[in-house]
Amino acid sequence: MGLRNILSRRRKATEPSAAVPAGKSAELEAAWAELRQTVDEFKVTSFRACSRTGRSWAEDPEAVRQIAATIARIVKDTADGPKGNPAR
């Protein structure tokens, strides 16, 4: 399943429901907007994520933001070259 499928499915699933408190849904939608922006900016074609807690990361605004930050950090670090190894 590609990232576009995940994001389009996520957009459909983020409509307010009994599972997501009303105050959380706006925060969750904002976090997903940040992730979509990061994915578009860095031209990410796919990624996989899972949770150690058993709770879906896709419903946790902080987890969604952390994934966006991790993608940005990986792309930046990759573009900057290897770290910690002095040139010989």
C-alpha atoms as a PDB file:
ATOM      1  CA  MET A   1       0.000   0.000   0.000  1.00  0.00           C
ATOM      2  CA  GLY A   2       1.496   3.340  -1.019  1.00  0.00           C
ATOM      3  CA  LEU A   3       1.644   6.514   1.006  1.00  0.00           C
ATOM      4  CA  ARG A   4      -1.020   8.167  -1.119  1.00  0.00           C
ATOM      5  CA  ASN A   5      -3.415   5.353  -0.231  1.00  0.00           C
ATOM      6  CA  ILE A   6      -2.618   5.749   3.463  1.00  0.00           C
ATOM      7  CA  LEU A   7      -3.055   9.522   3.363  1.00  0.00           C
ATOM      8  CA  SER A   8      -6.278   9.417   1.369  1.00  0.00           C
ATOM      9  CA  ARG A   9      -7.660   6.710   3.651  1.00  0.00           C
ATOM     10  CA  ARG A  10      -6.549   8.774   6.671  1.00  0.00           C
ATOM     11  CA  ARG A  11      -8.375  11.866   5.364  1.00  0.00           C
ATOM     12  CA  LYS A  12     -11.589   9.869   5.170  1.00  0.00           C
ATOM     13  CA  ALA A  13     -11.061   8.400   8.639  1.00  0.00           C
ATOM     14  CA  THR A  14     -10.350  11.712  10.375  1.00  0.00           C
ATOM     15  CA  GLU A  15     -13.954  12.824  10.364  1.00  0.00           C
ATOM     16  CA  PRO A  16     -15.166  13.349  13.936  1.00  0.00           C
ATOM     17  CA  SER A  17     -16.279  10.135  15.557  1.00  0.00           C
ATOM     18  CA  ALA A  18     -17.036   8.812  18.997  1.00  0.00           C
ATOM     19  CA  ALA A  19     -13.476   7.411  19.185  1.00  0.00           C
ATOM     20  CA  VAL A  20     -11.825  10.830  18.810  1.00  0.00           C
ATOM     21  CA  PRO A  21     -12.841  13.579  21.258  1.00  0.00           C
ATOM     22  CA  ALA A  22     -14.053  16.785  19.573  1.00  0.00           C
ATOM     23  CA  GLY A  23     -11.051  18.855  20.761  1.00  0.00           C
ATOM     24  CA  LYS A  24      -8.612  16.216  19.536  1.00  0.00           C
ATOM     25  CA  SER A  25      -9.999  15.972  16.001  1.00  0.00           C
ATOM     26  CA  ALA A  26      -8.882  19.519  15.069  1.00  0.00           C
ATOM     27  CA  GLU A  27      -5.438  18.870  16.531  1.00  0.00           C
ATOM     28  CA  LEU A  28      -5.241  15.512  14.775  1.00  0.00           C
ATOM     29  CA  GLU A  29      -6.274  17.021  11.446  1.00  0.00           C
ATOM     30  CA  ALA A  30      -3.609  19.753  11.845  1.00  0.00           C
ATOM     31  CA  ALA A  31      -0.964  17.099  12.572  1.00  0.00           C
ATOM     32  CA  TRP A  32      -1.976  15.157   9.454  1.00  0.00           C
ATOM     33  CA  ALA A  33      -1.780  18.367   7.409  1.00  0.00           C
ATOM     34  CA  GLU A  34       1.804  18.827   8.667  1.00  0.00           C
ATOM     35  CA  LEU A  35       2.659  15.237   7.712  1.00  0.00           C
ATOM     36  CA  ARG A  36       1.136  15.636   4.237  1.00  0.00           C
ATOM     37  CA  GLN A  37       3.103  18.869   3.751  1.00  0.00           C
ATOM     38  CA  THR A  38       6.356  17.176   4.802  1.00  0.00           C
ATOM     39  CA  VAL A  39       5.693  14.208   2.536  1.00  0.00           C
ATOM     40  CA  ASP A  40       4.994  16.514  -0.412  1.00  0.00           C
ATOM     41  CA  GLU A  41       7.976  18.766   0.330  1.00  0.00           C
ATOM     42  CA  PHE A  42      10.477  15.915   0.446  1.00  0.00           C
ATOM     43  CA  LYS A  43       8.775  13.831  -2.260  1.00  0.00           C
ATOM     44  CA  VAL A  44       8.387  10.805  -0.006  1.00  0.00           C
ATOM     45  CA  THR A  45       6.772   7.989  -1.941  1.00  0.00           C
ATOM     46  CA  SER A  46       6.153   5.578   0.932  1.00  0.00           C
ATOM     47  CA  PHE A  47       6.895   4.838   4.563  1.00  0.00           C
ATOM     48  CA  ARG A  48       5.790   2.423   7.259  1.00  0.00           C
ATOM     49  CA  ALA A  49       5.165   3.152  10.894  1.00  0.00           C
ATOM     50  CA  CYS A  50       3.975   1.167  13.866  1.00  0.00           C
ATOM     51  CA  SER A  51       3.338   1.776  17.517  1.00  0.00           C
ATOM     52  CA  ARG A  52       4.935   0.021  20.446  1.00  0.00           C
ATOM     53  CA  THR A  53       1.930   0.694  22.647  1.00  0.00           C
ATOM     54  CA  GLY A  54      -0.576  -1.157  20.510  1.00  0.00           C
ATOM     55  CA  ARG A  55      -2.545   2.048  20.026  1.00  0.00           C
ATOM     56  CA  SER A  56      -2.715   3.369  16.480  1.00  0.00           C
ATOM     57  CA  TRP A  57      -0.134   6.118  15.867  1.00  0.00           C
ATOM     58  CA  ALA A  58      -2.472   7.500  13.209  1.00  0.00           C
ATOM     59  CA  GLU A  59      -4.888   8.683  15.906  1.00  0.00           C
ATOM     60  CA  ASP A  60      -2.262  10.402  18.069  1.00  0.00           C
ATOM     61  CA  PRO A  61      -1.432  13.978  16.948  1.00  0.00           C
ATOM     62  CA  GLU A  62       1.967  13.938  18.673  1.00  0.00           C
ATOM     63  CA  ALA A  63       2.932  10.659  16.994  1.00  0.00           C
ATOM     64  CA  VAL A  64       1.904  12.002  13.573  1.00  0.00           C
ATOM     65  CA  ARG A  65       4.014  15.135  14.160  1.00  0.00           C
ATOM     66  CA  GLN A  66       6.978  13.028  15.282  1.00  0.00           C
ATOM     67  CA  ILE A  67       6.797  10.998  12.080  1.00  0.00           C
ATOM     68  CA  ALA A  68       6.830  14.213  10.032  1.00  0.00           C
ATOM     69  CA  ALA A  69       9.837  15.464  12.026  1.00  0.00           C
ATOM     70  CA  THR A  70      11.649  12.151  11.586  1.00  0.00           C
ATOM     71  CA  ILE A  71      11.128  12.218   7.826  1.00  0.00           C
ATOM     72  CA  ALA A  72      12.457  15.791   7.640  1.00  0.00           C
ATOM     73  CA  ARG A  73      15.469  14.930   9.824  1.00  0.00           C
ATOM     74  CA  ILE A  74      16.367  11.841   7.788  1.00  0.00           C
ATOM     75  CA  VAL A  75      16.151  13.715   4.496  1.00  0.00           C
ATOM     76  CA  LYS A  76      18.234  16.606   5.880  1.00  0.00           C
ATOM     77  CA  ASP A  77      20.870  14.306   7.397  1.00  0.00           C
ATOM     78  CA  THR A  78      21.091  12.305   4.177  1.00  0.00           C
ATOM     79  CA  ALA A  79      21.544  15.491   2.136  1.00  0.00           C
ATOM     80  CA  ASP A  80      24.243  16.782   4.535  1.00  0.00           C
ATOM     81  CA  GLY A  81      26.333  13.606   4.196  1.00  0.00           C
ATOM     82  CA  PRO A  82      27.792  11.258   6.815  1.00  0.00           C
ATOM     83  CA  LYS A  83      28.120  12.539  10.377  1.00  0.00           C
ATOM     84  CA  GLY A  84      30.745  11.726  12.973  1.00  0.00           C
ATOM     85  CA  ASN A  85      33.341  10.317  10.615  1.00  0.00           C
ATOM     86  CA  PRO A  86      36.171  12.761   9.935  1.00  0.00           C
ATOM     87  CA  ALA A  87      37.415  12.857   6.359  1.00  0.00           C
ATOM     88  CA  ARG A  88      40.599  10.842   5.930  1.00  0.00           C
END
